[in-house]
Amino acid sequence: MHELALADAVMKAAVQAADDAGMARIDKLVVKVGELQQIEKDLFEFSLANVLAGQDPRLREATFDVSLEPVRFECNSCHHGYGRQDVSLDDGDGGEAIHFIPELSHAFARCPKCGSPDFEILAGRGITLERLEGSGPDE
């Protein structure tokens, strides 16, 4: 279950950030998930809120704001910018491979303008813990 592993990594990062900030309680986690991760957002949110939140007492009452960041590519040959809707990443084994290792998109995608497989992923990759809201021990 890919979503559970990703949610677990987010929770560990949140707990570490809370430790570093001296937070006694975590109220809200704001998470951005790149479209290239191809996660099931509902399953990811369920994993955060119902499976993993009980691992640390500071997370029991936390809410989770999860947003998806659209993927943006730029061709290194012709400098054309394009999105996921402009390429076919879900054909055959490509979709499954990219689900687990987004960087494999280079093996399956081509620039829709010039056909080059040489492109940069400008946005929509990875998972980011954008913000952690909570309070310290005296609040």
C-alpha atoms as a PDB file:
ATOM      1  CA  MET A   1       0.000   0.000   0.000  1.00  0.00           C
ATOM      2  CA  HIS A   2       1.956   2.965  -1.388  1.00  0.00           C
ATOM      3  CA  GLU A   3      -0.282   5.580   0.256  1.00  0.00           C
ATOM      4  CA  LEU A   4       0.267   4.164   3.746  1.00  0.00           C
ATOM      5  CA  ALA A   5       4.055   4.289   3.349  1.00  0.00           C
ATOM      6  CA  LEU A   6       3.900   7.886   2.106  1.00  0.00           C
ATOM      7  CA  ALA A   7       1.529   8.894   4.914  1.00  0.00           C
ATOM      8  CA  ASP A   8       3.868   7.258   7.441  1.00  0.00           C
ATOM      9  CA  ALA A   9       6.786   9.317   6.111  1.00  0.00           C
ATOM     10  CA  VAL A  10       4.705  12.518   6.413  1.00  0.00           C
ATOM     11  CA  MET A  11       3.757  11.686   9.991  1.00  0.00           C
ATOM     12  CA  LYS A  12       7.372  10.988  10.949  1.00  0.00           C
ATOM     13  CA  ALA A  13       8.412  14.314   9.421  1.00  0.00           C
ATOM     14  CA  ALA A  14       5.593  16.089  11.295  1.00  0.00           C
ATOM     15  CA  VAL A  15       6.594  14.547  14.624  1.00  0.00           C
ATOM     16  CA  GLN A  16      10.231  15.517  14.033  1.00  0.00           C
ATOM     17  CA  ALA A  17       9.215  19.076  13.109  1.00  0.00           C
ATOM     18  CA  ALA A  18       7.016  19.264  16.220  1.00  0.00           C
ATOM     19  CA  ASP A  19       9.915  18.058  18.360  1.00  0.00           C
ATOM     20  CA  ASP A  20      12.213  20.651  16.810  1.00  0.00           C
ATOM     21  CA  ALA A  21       9.635  23.409  17.437  1.00  0.00           C
ATOM     22  CA  GLY A  22       8.833  22.286  20.987  1.00  0.00           C
ATOM     23  CA  MET A  23       5.174  21.628  20.163  1.00  0.00           C
ATOM     24  CA  ALA A  24       3.097  19.848  22.772  1.00  0.00           C
ATOM     25  CA  ARG A  25       0.119  19.570  20.437  1.00  0.00           C
ATOM     26  CA  ILE A  26      -0.245  19.395  16.653  1.00  0.00           C
ATOM     27  CA  ASP A  27      -3.488  20.911  15.389  1.00  0.00           C
ATOM     28  CA  LYS A  28      -3.097  20.843  11.627  1.00  0.00           C
ATOM     29  CA  LEU A  29      -0.822  19.456   8.921  1.00  0.00           C
ATOM     30  CA  VAL A  30      -0.851  21.042   5.480  1.00  0.00           C
ATOM     31  CA  VAL A  31       0.495  18.614   2.891  1.00  0.00           C
ATOM     32  CA  LYS A  32       1.097  19.073  -0.828  1.00  0.00           C
ATOM     33  CA  VAL A  33       1.227  15.934  -2.978  1.00  0.00           C
ATOM     34  CA  GLY A  34       2.654  16.018  -6.483  1.00  0.00           C
ATOM     35  CA  GLU A  35       0.376  14.670  -9.190  1.00  0.00           C
ATOM     36  CA  LEU A  36       3.196  12.435 -10.404  1.00  0.00           C
ATOM     37  CA  GLN A  37       2.950  10.446  -7.165  1.00  0.00           C
ATOM     38  CA  GLN A  38      -0.379   9.177  -8.554  1.00  0.00           C
ATOM     39  CA  ILE A  39      -1.755   8.469  -5.103  1.00  0.00           C
ATOM     40  CA  GLU A  40      -5.316   7.749  -4.132  1.00  0.00           C
ATOM     41  CA  LYS A  41      -5.945  10.975  -2.192  1.00  0.00           C
ATOM     42  CA  ASP A  42      -8.803   9.506  -0.120  1.00  0.00           C
ATOM     43  CA  LEU A  43      -6.691   6.539   0.929  1.00  0.00           C
ATOM     44  CA  PHE A  44      -3.749   8.818   1.752  1.00  0.00           C
ATOM     45  CA  GLU A  45      -5.963  11.076   3.904  1.00  0.00           C
ATOM     46  CA  PHE A  46      -7.548   8.045   5.582  1.00  0.00           C
ATOM     47  CA  SER A  47      -4.068   6.703   6.394  1.00  0.00           C
ATOM     48  CA  LEU A  48      -3.069  10.027   7.932  1.00  0.00           C
ATOM     49  CA  ALA A  49      -6.199  10.567   9.999  1.00  0.00           C
ATOM     50  CA  ASN A  50      -7.278   7.077  10.996  1.00  0.00           C
ATOM     51  CA  VAL A  51      -4.293   4.763  10.839  1.00  0.00           C
ATOM     52  CA  LEU A  52      -1.291   6.846  11.789  1.00  0.00           C
ATOM     53  CA  ALA A  53      -2.610   9.707  13.929  1.00  0.00           C
ATOM     54  CA  GLY A  54      -2.697   7.463  16.995  1.00  0.00           C
ATOM     55  CA  GLN A  55       1.044   6.835  16.857  1.00  0.00           C
ATOM     56  CA  ASP A  56       1.846  10.055  18.682  1.00  0.00           C
ATOM     57  CA  PRO A  57      -0.498  11.626  21.275  1.00  0.00           C
ATOM     58  CA  ARG A  58       0.136  15.086  19.808  1.00  0.00           C
ATOM     59  CA  LEU A  59      -1.492  14.017  16.534  1.00  0.00           C
ATOM     60  CA  ARG A  60      -4.749  12.544  17.875  1.00  0.00           C
ATOM     61  CA  GLU A  61      -6.806  15.712  17.325  1.00  0.00           C
ATOM     62  CA  ALA A  62      -4.947  16.954  14.253  1.00  0.00           C
ATOM     63  CA  THR A  63      -6.673  17.815  10.998  1.00  0.00           C
ATOM     64  CA  PHE A  64      -5.110  17.266   7.605  1.00  0.00           C
ATOM     65  CA  ASP A  65      -5.261  19.581   4.611  1.00  0.00           C
ATOM     66  CA  VAL A  66      -4.032  17.656   1.568  1.00  0.00           C
ATOM     67  CA  SER A  67      -3.798  19.334  -1.833  1.00  0.00           C
ATOM     68  CA  LEU A  68      -2.596  18.000  -5.166  1.00  0.00           C
ATOM     69  CA  GLU A  69       0.026  19.912  -7.144  1.00  0.00           C
ATOM     70  CA  PRO A  70      -0.355  19.538 -10.922  1.00  0.00           C
ATOM     71  CA  VAL A  71       2.698  18.248 -12.756  1.00  0.00           C
ATOM     72  CA  ARG A  72       4.505  20.634 -15.098  1.00  0.00           C
ATOM     73  CA  PHE A  73       7.199  19.574 -17.538  1.00  0.00           C
ATOM     74  CA  GLU A  74       9.556  21.627 -19.692  1.00  0.00           C
ATOM     75  CA  CYS A  75      11.332  20.140 -22.694  1.00  0.00           C
ATOM     76  CA  ASN A  76      15.094  20.672 -22.653  1.00  0.00           C
ATOM     77  CA  SER A  77      15.216  20.536 -26.470  1.00  0.00           C
ATOM     78  CA  CYS A  78      12.476  22.960 -27.550  1.00  0.00           C
ATOM     79  CA  HIS A  79      11.609  24.537 -24.152  1.00  0.00           C
ATOM     80  CA  HIS A  80       7.907  23.716 -24.577  1.00  0.00           C
ATOM     81  CA  GLY A  81       6.012  23.616 -21.266  1.00  0.00           C
ATOM     82  CA  TYR A  82       3.320  20.992 -20.805  1.00  0.00           C
ATOM     83  CA  GLY A  83       1.299  19.082 -18.222  1.00  0.00           C
ATOM     84  CA  ARG A  84       0.262  15.534 -17.547  1.00  0.00           C
ATOM     85  CA  GLN A  85      -2.807  15.885 -19.740  1.00  0.00           C
ATOM     86  CA  ASP A  86      -0.443  16.424 -22.709  1.00  0.00           C
ATOM     87  CA  VAL A  87       1.406  13.100 -22.327  1.00  0.00           C
ATOM     88  CA  SER A  88       0.368   9.511 -21.794  1.00  0.00           C
ATOM     89  CA  LEU A  89       1.907   8.236 -18.573  1.00  0.00           C
ATOM     90  CA  ASP A  90      -0.669   5.613 -17.684  1.00  0.00           C
ATOM     91  CA  ASP A  91      -0.227   3.249 -20.630  1.00  0.00           C
ATOM     92  CA  GLY A  92       0.799  -0.326 -19.851  1.00  0.00           C
ATOM     93  CA  ASP A  93       3.503  -0.755 -17.263  1.00  0.00           C
ATOM     94  CA  GLY A  94       4.348   2.960 -17.266  1.00  0.00           C
ATOM     95  CA  GLY A  95       1.561   4.030 -14.944  1.00  0.00           C
ATOM     96  CA  GLU A  96       2.412   1.413 -12.344  1.00  0.00           C
ATOM     97  CA  ALA A  97       6.144   2.146 -12.493  1.00  0.00           C
ATOM     98  CA  ILE A  98       5.614   5.913 -12.198  1.00  0.00           C
ATOM     99  CA  HIS A  99       3.244   5.375  -9.269  1.00  0.00           C
ATOM    100  CA  PHE A 100       6.138   3.933  -7.244  1.00  0.00           C
ATOM    101  CA  ILE A 101       9.041   5.877  -8.779  1.00  0.00           C
ATOM    102  CA  PRO A 102       7.879   9.172 -10.346  1.00  0.00           C
ATOM    103  CA  GLU A 103      11.304   9.827 -11.851  1.00  0.00           C
ATOM    104  CA  LEU A 104      10.629   6.939 -14.262  1.00  0.00           C
ATOM    105  CA  SER A 105       8.368   9.307 -16.189  1.00  0.00           C
ATOM    106  CA  HIS A 106      11.447  10.016 -18.335  1.00  0.00           C
ATOM    107  CA  ALA A 107      11.262   6.465 -19.659  1.00  0.00           C
ATOM    108  CA  PHE A 108       7.608   6.761 -20.698  1.00  0.00           C
ATOM    109  CA  ALA A 109       6.909  10.407 -21.627  1.00  0.00           C
ATOM    110  CA  ARG A 110       7.913  12.484 -24.633  1.00  0.00           C
ATOM    111  CA  CYS A 111       7.507  16.183 -25.377  1.00  0.00           C
ATOM    112  CA  PRO A 112       4.212  16.559 -27.250  1.00  0.00           C
ATOM    113  CA  LYS A 113       5.755  19.262 -29.459  1.00  0.00           C
ATOM    114  CA  CYS A 114       9.098  17.771 -30.568  1.00  0.00           C
ATOM    115  CA  GLY A 115       9.000  14.190 -29.249  1.00  0.00           C
ATOM    116  CA  SER A 116      12.115  14.505 -27.093  1.00  0.00           C
ATOM    117  CA  PRO A 117      12.380  12.383 -23.916  1.00  0.00           C
ATOM    118  CA  ASP A 118      14.689  15.031 -22.410  1.00  0.00           C
ATOM    119  CA  PHE A 119      12.623  17.192 -20.053  1.00  0.00           C
ATOM    120  CA  GLU A 120      12.617  18.695 -16.594  1.00  0.00           C
ATOM    121  CA  ILE A 121       9.906  18.115 -14.030  1.00  0.00           C
ATOM    122  CA  LEU A 122       9.189  21.652 -12.803  1.00  0.00           C
ATOM    123  CA  ALA A 123       6.334  20.873 -10.417  1.00  0.00           C
ATOM    124  CA  GLY A 124       4.136  18.030  -9.251  1.00  0.00           C
ATOM    125  CA  ARG A 125       6.716  15.630  -7.895  1.00  0.00           C
ATOM    126  CA  GLY A 126       7.067  14.419  -4.342  1.00  0.00           C
ATOM    127  CA  ILE A 127       5.279  15.177  -1.119  1.00  0.00           C
ATOM    128  CA  THR A 128       5.847  18.286   0.967  1.00  0.00           C
ATOM    129  CA  LEU A 129       4.852  18.992   4.545  1.00  0.00           C
ATOM    130  CA  GLU A 130       4.075  22.639   3.843  1.00  0.00           C
ATOM    131  CA  ARG A 131       2.966  23.731   7.278  1.00  0.00           C
ATOM    132  CA  LEU A 132       2.523  22.406  10.759  1.00  0.00           C
ATOM    133  CA  GLU A 133       0.237  24.222  13.178  1.00  0.00           C
ATOM    134  CA  GLY A 134       0.212  23.536  16.884  1.00  0.00           C
ATOM    135  CA  SER A 135       1.118  24.881  20.260  1.00  0.00           C
ATOM    136  CA  GLY A 136       3.951  24.682  22.718  1.00  0.00           C
ATOM    137  CA  PRO A 137       3.855  23.211  26.202  1.00  0.00           C
ATOM    138  CA  ASP A 138       2.608  26.434  27.811  1.00  0.00           C
ATOM    139  CA  GLU A 139      -0.221  27.250  25.394  1.00  0.00           C
END
